[in-house]
Amino acid sequence: MSTILVAGGAGFIGSNFIRHWLAHHATDRVVNYDLLTYAANSRSLDDVAAREGSRYVFVRGDIRDYDHVLTTLRGQSADAIVNFAAESHNSRAVVQPDAFFETNVVGTVQLMRAALDAGISRFHHVSTCEVYGDLPLDADDAFTESSPLVPKTPYNASKAAADLAVNAFAETYGLPVTISNCANNYGPYQFPEKVIPHFVVSVLDGKPMTLYRSSRNRREWLHVDDHCRAIEAVIERGRIGETYNVGSGVEVDIEGIADRILAILDADPGLKSYVPDRPGHDRRYLLDSSKIRSELGWQPRIDFEEGFRDTVHWYRDNVDWWRGLLDRLDVDEARWQDPADFESGSRSSLAQAGAIA
């Protein structure tokens, strides 16, 4: 029997990964280590806790707290770590960049220090396509694992810095690491600050969806269940020290996301509202995921149109899950200034963009 510590397991991808791992590894235990910050929801795993008994353990803790992490790893006899813990909302990073570097960089370093001292056999770090920067809308390019890291926003930069730190710990200290960089995920249990649930709950409440003016900017979309299967493949069959891109190849622009939601919910097209782009709004992401497909035999299974429809229906049918979370939203996407008026580093302009006081 193995025990995996999942850092950030009360978040969107982490909670789905815990469900997947316990369902497919009948003798393993999972320790969910999460600080329960604003974007986490412990209710996402209430049914898992009730069903799995001692196979699922929740520990509230901060990945920046080396002593607590180490005590947890030793006390739970953990064999491996999967690190989902991160501040991840690009808009919030514009108005509170320090929090992103504290959690995503300092936190990852402290987690790795504890992993070394606990003798962990695998440290898997979950990262993002956004560390590579963005691509022109009119190009056929895609990011490979050897693409340079050229982040454009505080969030992207904090994740890129964490990736570099993970590789440095592997080279310097021999920590057995793997990294996966994923496309934009969608699916159930995603906090409603992210674009798909944000749009869906806005429409369900009869409120306008706030599309950035550059609404033809494109994203590659991957269902969270396919992402969980990819991480599983890397943990089980991936080569130590390697990075694997995880993407579907399916690109849809934000205008297309909004139109699909309106069609699925049979809602008024007038609910689309256009607002200034946030500073550093990336144009396009696309990953070349041929490495994980050829080496590990992974490929996405969930058709985008079917998975997207099921996701919209999940939020429609689970109002009780997200209704209480709306009070935690603290960035007003409709209030970004025009880039020409945005004063970099100015607390007054940050506040006008919806910053936390």
Protein backbone atom coordinates (compact mmCIF):
# COMPACT_ATOMS: atom_id res chain seq x y z
CA MET A 1 0.00 0.00 0.00
CA SER A 2 1.24 3.47 -0.91
CA THR A 3 0.34 6.82 0.60
CA ILE A 4 0.26 9.93 -1.58
CA LEU A 5 0.18 13.42 -0.13
CA VAL A 6 -1.83 15.69 -2.44
CA ALA A 7 -0.96 19.33 -1.78
CA GLY A 8 -3.88 21.56 -2.69
CA GLY A 9 -6.34 18.69 -2.74
CA ALA A 10 -9.36 20.84 -1.88
CA GLY A 11 -9.01 22.82 -5.09
CA PHE A 12 -10.45 22.12 -8.53
CA ILE A 13 -7.91 19.79 -10.11
CA GLY A 14 -6.64 18.42 -6.80
CA SER A 15 -10.06 17.28 -5.62
CA ASN A 16 -10.77 15.61 -8.96
CA PHE A 17 -7.37 13.90 -8.81
CA ILE A 18 -8.09 12.53 -5.34
CA ARG A 19 -11.37 11.07 -6.60
CA HIS A 20 -9.58 9.50 -9.56
CA TRP A 21 -6.68 8.07 -7.57
CA LEU A 22 -8.80 6.48 -4.87
CA ALA A 23 -11.16 5.02 -7.47
CA HIS A 24 -8.34 3.39 -9.45
CA HIS A 25 -5.88 2.41 -6.67
CA ALA A 26 -7.84 0.26 -4.28
CA THR A 27 -5.07 -0.27 -1.72
CA ASP A 28 -3.61 3.26 -1.64
CA ARG A 29 -4.20 6.06 0.85
CA VAL A 30 -4.43 9.78 0.04
CA VAL A 31 -3.57 12.62 2.41
CA ASN A 32 -5.18 15.87 1.33
CA TYR A 33 -2.94 18.69 2.58
CA ASP A 34 -4.67 22.03 1.99
CA LEU A 35 -4.77 25.45 3.66
CA LEU A 36 -8.42 26.00 2.61
CA THR A 37 -7.85 29.44 1.14
CA TYR A 38 -10.66 31.34 -0.60
CA ALA A 39 -10.67 29.15 -3.74
CA ALA A 40 -10.71 25.82 -1.91
CA ASN A 41 -13.89 24.00 -0.93
CA SER A 42 -13.68 21.15 1.53
CA ARG A 43 -17.26 20.18 0.61
CA SER A 44 -16.00 18.96 -2.75
CA LEU A 45 -14.76 15.79 -1.06
CA ASP A 46 -17.40 15.23 1.63
CA ASP A 47 -18.70 12.14 -0.15
CA VAL A 48 -15.16 10.80 -0.57
CA ALA A 49 -14.43 11.22 3.14
CA ALA A 50 -17.67 9.42 4.05
CA ARG A 51 -17.09 6.58 1.61
CA GLU A 52 -13.35 5.92 1.90
CA GLY A 53 -12.84 6.03 5.66
CA SER A 54 -9.17 5.72 6.62
CA ARG A 55 -8.05 5.69 2.98
CA TYR A 56 -8.67 9.45 2.87
CA VAL A 57 -7.14 11.85 5.41
CA PHE A 58 -7.47 15.63 5.45
CA VAL A 59 -4.77 17.79 7.03
CA ARG A 60 -5.14 21.55 7.06
CA GLY A 61 -1.78 23.15 6.43
CA ASP A 62 0.30 25.64 4.46
CA ILE A 63 2.92 24.35 2.02
CA ARG A 64 5.15 27.24 3.16
CA ASP A 65 5.29 25.68 6.64
CA TYR A 66 8.25 23.30 6.33
CA ASP A 67 7.90 21.91 9.85
CA HIS A 68 4.21 21.10 9.48
CA VAL A 69 4.71 19.53 6.06
CA LEU A 70 7.56 17.36 7.34
CA THR A 71 5.59 16.29 10.41
CA THR A 72 2.65 15.36 8.18
CA LEU A 73 4.79 13.41 5.71
CA ARG A 74 6.43 11.40 8.49
CA GLY A 75 3.29 10.98 10.56
CA GLN A 76 1.31 9.71 7.57
CA SER A 77 4.21 7.62 6.17
CA ALA A 78 3.80 9.30 2.80
CA ASP A 79 5.64 7.82 -0.17
CA ALA A 80 4.97 10.50 -2.80
CA ILE A 81 3.78 14.08 -3.23
CA VAL A 82 1.64 15.55 -5.99
CA ASN A 83 1.74 19.33 -5.80
CA PHE A 84 -1.38 21.14 -7.00
CA ALA A 85 -1.16 23.86 -4.34
CA ALA A 86 -1.03 27.24 -6.05
CA GLU A 87 -2.54 30.64 -6.44
CA SER A 88 -3.80 30.31 -10.01
CA HIS A 89 -6.11 33.15 -11.07
CA ASN A 90 -4.36 35.46 -13.53
CA SER A 91 -6.65 38.39 -12.77
CA ARG A 92 -6.03 38.17 -9.05
CA ALA A 93 -2.28 37.98 -9.71
CA VAL A 94 -2.42 41.40 -11.35
CA VAL A 95 -3.74 42.97 -8.16
CA GLN A 96 -1.95 40.82 -5.55
CA PRO A 97 1.27 39.51 -7.14
CA ASP A 98 3.11 38.96 -3.86
CA ALA A 99 0.70 36.22 -2.78
CA PHE A 100 1.46 34.28 -5.96
CA PHE A 101 5.23 34.28 -5.48
CA GLU A 102 4.84 33.42 -1.78
CA THR A 103 2.69 30.34 -2.45
CA ASN A 104 3.84 29.21 -5.86
CA VAL A 105 7.58 29.68 -5.41
CA VAL A 106 8.38 29.84 -1.67
CA GLY A 107 5.71 27.25 -0.92
CA THR A 108 7.01 24.83 -3.54
CA VAL A 109 10.56 25.19 -2.21
CA GLN A 110 9.48 24.45 1.37
CA LEU A 111 7.44 21.47 0.18
CA MET A 112 10.51 20.11 -1.62
CA ARG A 113 12.75 20.67 1.41
CA ALA A 114 10.34 18.59 3.47
CA ALA A 115 10.15 15.96 0.72
CA LEU A 116 13.92 15.56 0.77
CA ASP A 117 14.08 15.22 4.54
CA ALA A 118 11.20 12.74 4.58
CA GLY A 119 12.80 10.56 1.89
CA ILE A 120 9.90 10.91 -0.57
CA SER A 121 10.24 8.60 -3.59
CA ARG A 122 8.49 10.90 -6.08
CA PHE A 123 7.69 14.60 -6.17
CA HIS A 124 5.32 15.43 -9.01
CA HIS A 125 4.78 19.12 -9.70
CA VAL A 126 1.69 20.27 -11.59
CA SER A 127 2.34 23.32 -13.73
CA THR A 128 0.72 25.16 -16.63
CA CYS A 129 1.10 25.92 -20.32
CA GLU A 130 1.30 29.60 -19.40
CA VAL A 131 4.93 29.35 -18.29
CA TYR A 132 5.86 29.36 -21.98
CA GLY A 133 4.22 32.73 -22.67
CA ASP A 134 1.71 33.06 -25.49
CA LEU A 135 1.48 32.47 -29.24
CA PRO A 136 0.27 34.65 -32.12
CA LEU A 137 -3.33 34.02 -33.14
CA ASP A 138 -2.36 33.55 -36.78
CA ALA A 139 0.44 31.01 -36.23
CA ASP A 140 0.48 27.22 -36.31
CA ASP A 141 3.07 26.96 -33.53
CA ALA A 142 2.72 24.90 -30.36
CA PHE A 143 4.83 24.79 -27.22
CA THR A 144 7.06 21.77 -26.67
CA GLU A 145 8.81 20.72 -23.47
CA SER A 146 11.97 22.42 -24.79
CA SER A 147 10.28 25.76 -25.47
CA PRO A 148 11.81 28.62 -23.47
CA LEU A 149 9.98 29.91 -20.41
CA VAL A 150 8.77 33.40 -21.32
CA PRO A 151 5.99 34.22 -18.82
CA LYS A 152 4.03 37.45 -19.28
CA THR A 153 2.04 37.83 -16.05
CA PRO A 154 2.81 37.53 -12.33
CA TYR A 155 0.94 34.22 -12.15
CA ASN A 156 2.77 32.80 -15.16
CA ALA A 157 6.11 34.02 -13.81
CA SER A 158 5.50 32.47 -10.39
CA LYS A 159 4.71 29.10 -11.96
CA ALA A 160 7.75 29.32 -14.26
CA ALA A 161 9.94 30.11 -11.26
CA ALA A 162 8.52 27.09 -9.44
CA ASP A 163 9.27 24.85 -12.44
CA LEU A 164 12.87 26.06 -12.42
CA ALA A 165 13.11 25.46 -8.68
CA VAL A 166 11.82 21.90 -9.08
CA ASN A 167 14.43 21.14 -11.72
CA ALA A 168 17.12 22.78 -9.56
CA PHE A 169 16.22 20.55 -6.59
CA ALA A 170 16.50 17.53 -8.86
CA GLU A 171 19.94 18.52 -10.10
CA THR A 172 21.34 19.82 -6.81
CA TYR A 173 19.85 17.44 -4.25
CA GLY A 174 18.72 14.45 -6.31
CA LEU A 175 15.03 14.91 -5.51
CA PRO A 176 13.13 12.46 -7.78
CA VAL A 177 10.87 14.87 -9.65
CA THR A 178 8.54 14.99 -12.61
CA ILE A 179 6.65 18.02 -13.97
CA SER A 180 3.51 18.25 -16.08
CA ASN A 181 2.43 21.41 -17.90
CA CYS A 182 -1.27 21.31 -18.72
CA ALA A 183 -3.71 23.12 -20.99
CA ASN A 184 -6.70 25.01 -19.58
CA ASN A 185 -8.83 22.58 -17.59
CA TYR A 186 -12.60 22.48 -17.38
CA GLY A 187 -15.01 20.27 -15.44
CA PRO A 188 -16.87 20.07 -12.10
CA TYR A 189 -15.77 21.61 -8.80
CA GLN A 190 -13.98 24.62 -10.35
CA PHE A 191 -14.12 27.84 -8.33
CA PRO A 192 -16.39 30.35 -10.11
CA GLU A 193 -13.72 32.99 -10.69
CA LYS A 194 -12.47 30.96 -13.69
CA VAL A 195 -14.01 31.71 -17.05
CA ILE A 196 -16.30 28.71 -17.68
CA PRO A 197 -17.97 28.46 -14.25
CA HIS A 198 -17.93 32.26 -13.98
CA PHE A 199 -19.86 32.58 -17.23
CA VAL A 200 -22.23 29.74 -16.37
CA VAL A 201 -23.19 31.01 -12.92
CA SER A 202 -23.56 34.55 -14.29
CA VAL A 203 -26.05 33.33 -16.90
CA LEU A 204 -27.90 31.20 -14.34
CA ASP A 205 -28.27 34.33 -12.21
CA GLY A 206 -29.36 36.42 -15.20
CA LYS A 207 -26.21 38.55 -15.06
CA PRO A 208 -23.96 39.52 -17.98
CA MET A 209 -20.89 37.50 -18.87
CA THR A 210 -17.89 39.84 -18.92
CA LEU A 211 -15.89 39.02 -22.06
CA TYR A 212 -12.61 40.79 -22.59
CA ARG A 213 -12.60 42.89 -25.76
CA SER A 214 -10.00 40.52 -27.23
CA SER A 215 -12.64 37.80 -27.14
CA ARG A 216 -11.07 35.90 -30.03
CA ASN A 217 -8.06 35.01 -27.89
CA ARG A 218 -7.88 31.22 -27.85
CA ARG A 219 -7.23 28.57 -25.25
CA GLU A 220 -6.62 24.84 -25.49
CA TRP A 221 -9.22 22.98 -23.40
CA LEU A 222 -8.66 19.73 -21.50
CA HIS A 223 -11.22 17.97 -19.34
CA VAL A 224 -10.00 17.63 -15.77
CA ASP A 225 -10.57 13.85 -15.80
CA ASP A 226 -8.22 13.47 -18.77
CA HIS A 227 -5.68 15.62 -16.93
CA CYS A 228 -5.92 13.38 -13.86
CA ARG A 229 -5.28 10.32 -16.02
CA ALA A 230 -2.23 12.06 -17.50
CA ILE A 231 -0.76 12.79 -14.06
CA GLU A 232 -1.39 9.17 -13.10
CA ALA A 233 0.49 8.04 -16.20
CA VAL A 234 3.46 10.29 -15.39
CA ILE A 235 3.61 9.05 -11.79
CA GLU A 236 3.38 5.41 -12.83
CA ARG A 237 5.43 5.37 -16.04
CA GLY A 238 7.12 8.75 -16.48
CA ARG A 239 10.88 9.13 -16.43
CA ILE A 240 12.38 10.84 -13.38
CA GLY A 241 13.55 14.37 -14.17
CA GLU A 242 11.29 14.76 -17.21
CA THR A 243 8.62 17.32 -18.06
CA TYR A 244 5.47 16.29 -19.94
CA ASN A 245 3.06 18.62 -21.75
CA VAL A 246 -0.60 17.60 -21.37
CA GLY A 247 -3.00 18.95 -23.96
CA SER A 248 -6.02 17.99 -26.02
CA GLY A 249 -5.27 19.89 -29.23
CA VAL A 250 -8.77 21.44 -29.02
CA GLU A 251 -8.70 25.24 -29.26
CA VAL A 252 -11.75 27.43 -28.65
CA ASP A 253 -11.80 31.20 -28.28
CA ILE A 254 -13.58 32.96 -25.44
CA GLU A 255 -16.34 34.11 -27.74
CA GLY A 256 -16.98 30.46 -28.59
CA ILE A 257 -17.06 29.50 -24.92
CA ALA A 258 -19.67 32.17 -24.19
CA ASP A 259 -21.81 31.21 -27.21
CA ARG A 260 -21.78 27.53 -26.24
CA ILE A 261 -22.94 28.35 -22.72
CA LEU A 262 -25.78 30.52 -24.01
CA ALA A 263 -26.88 27.77 -26.40
CA ILE A 264 -26.75 24.99 -23.79
CA LEU A 265 -28.74 27.06 -21.28
CA ASP A 266 -31.04 28.52 -23.95
CA ALA A 267 -30.19 31.99 -22.63
CA ASP A 268 -30.41 35.51 -24.02
CA PRO A 269 -27.43 36.42 -26.30
CA GLY A 270 -27.71 39.89 -24.83
CA LEU A 271 -26.01 38.56 -21.69
CA LYS A 272 -22.65 38.96 -23.42
CA SER A 273 -20.94 42.13 -22.22
CA TYR A 274 -17.52 43.38 -23.33
CA VAL A 275 -14.97 44.93 -20.95
CA PRO A 276 -11.34 46.11 -21.28
CA ASP A 277 -8.70 43.37 -21.35
CA ARG A 278 -6.83 42.82 -18.12
CA PRO A 279 -3.14 43.82 -18.30
CA GLY A 280 -1.00 41.04 -19.79
CA HIS A 281 -3.95 39.21 -21.37
CA ASP A 282 -2.40 36.31 -23.29
CA ARG A 283 -3.46 35.68 -26.88
CA ARG A 284 -3.17 31.93 -27.39
CA TYR A 285 -1.83 28.76 -25.76
CA LEU A 286 -1.32 25.41 -27.49
CA LEU A 287 0.78 22.50 -26.27
CA ASP A 288 2.52 19.83 -28.29
CA SER A 289 1.65 16.78 -26.18
CA SER A 290 3.23 14.19 -28.47
CA LYS A 291 5.80 13.24 -25.82
CA ILE A 292 3.31 11.98 -23.22
CA ARG A 293 1.27 10.29 -25.95
CA SER A 294 4.19 8.42 -27.48
CA GLU A 295 6.17 7.63 -24.31
CA LEU A 296 3.35 6.89 -21.87
CA GLY A 297 0.46 5.93 -24.12
CA TRP A 298 -1.82 8.67 -22.78
CA GLN A 299 -4.38 10.46 -24.87
CA PRO A 300 -7.54 12.39 -23.99
CA ARG A 301 -10.76 10.37 -24.00
CA ILE A 302 -13.46 12.99 -23.40
CA ASP A 303 -14.92 14.70 -26.45
CA PHE A 304 -14.86 18.46 -25.92
CA GLU A 305 -18.45 19.21 -26.94
CA GLU A 306 -19.80 16.40 -24.77
CA GLY A 307 -17.55 17.23 -21.83
CA PHE A 308 -18.35 20.92 -22.08
CA ARG A 309 -22.11 20.29 -22.11
CA ASP A 310 -21.83 17.97 -19.12
CA THR A 311 -19.80 20.61 -17.28
CA VAL A 312 -22.39 23.34 -17.88
CA HIS A 313 -25.13 20.96 -16.71
CA TRP A 314 -23.10 20.13 -13.57
CA TYR A 315 -23.06 23.78 -12.49
CA ARG A 316 -26.74 24.11 -13.38
CA ASP A 317 -27.57 21.08 -11.24
CA ASN A 318 -25.26 21.86 -8.30
CA VAL A 319 -26.21 25.38 -7.30
CA ASP A 320 -25.74 24.54 -3.63
CA TRP A 321 -22.07 23.77 -4.27
CA TRP A 322 -21.23 27.17 -5.81
CA ARG A 323 -23.81 29.60 -4.43
CA GLY A 324 -21.97 30.26 -1.18
CA LEU A 325 -18.66 30.70 -2.99
CA LEU A 326 -19.73 33.84 -4.85
CA ASP A 327 -19.13 35.98 -1.76
CA ARG A 328 -15.44 35.07 -2.00
CA LEU A 329 -14.96 36.66 -5.42
CA ASP A 330 -12.77 39.71 -4.93
CA VAL A 331 -11.75 40.84 -8.42
CA ASP A 332 -14.31 42.67 -10.54
CA GLU A 333 -13.56 41.60 -14.12
CA ALA A 334 -15.72 44.45 -15.46
CA ARG A 335 -13.57 47.17 -13.91
CA TRP A 336 -10.20 46.80 -15.58
CA GLN A 337 -8.79 50.05 -16.85
CA ASP A 338 -7.68 50.42 -20.43
CA PRO A 339 -4.02 49.35 -20.65
CA ALA A 340 -2.94 52.89 -21.57
CA ASP A 341 -4.35 54.12 -18.27
CA PHE A 342 -3.02 51.31 -16.09
CA GLU A 343 -0.18 52.50 -13.86
CA SER A 344 2.07 49.55 -13.18
CA GLY A 345 2.62 49.08 -9.47
CA SER A 346 0.23 51.83 -8.42
CA ARG A 347 -1.97 50.75 -5.52
CA SER A 348 -4.62 53.28 -6.57
CA SER A 349 -4.89 51.85 -10.07
CA LEU A 350 -4.85 48.31 -8.68
CA ALA A 351 -7.74 49.19 -6.42
CA GLN A 352 -9.69 50.62 -9.36
CA ALA A 353 -9.21 47.29 -11.14
CA GLY A 354 -10.90 45.49 -8.26
CA ALA A 355 -8.00 44.78 -5.94
CA ILE A 356 -8.25 43.47 -2.43
CA ALA A 357 -8.04 46.32 0.07
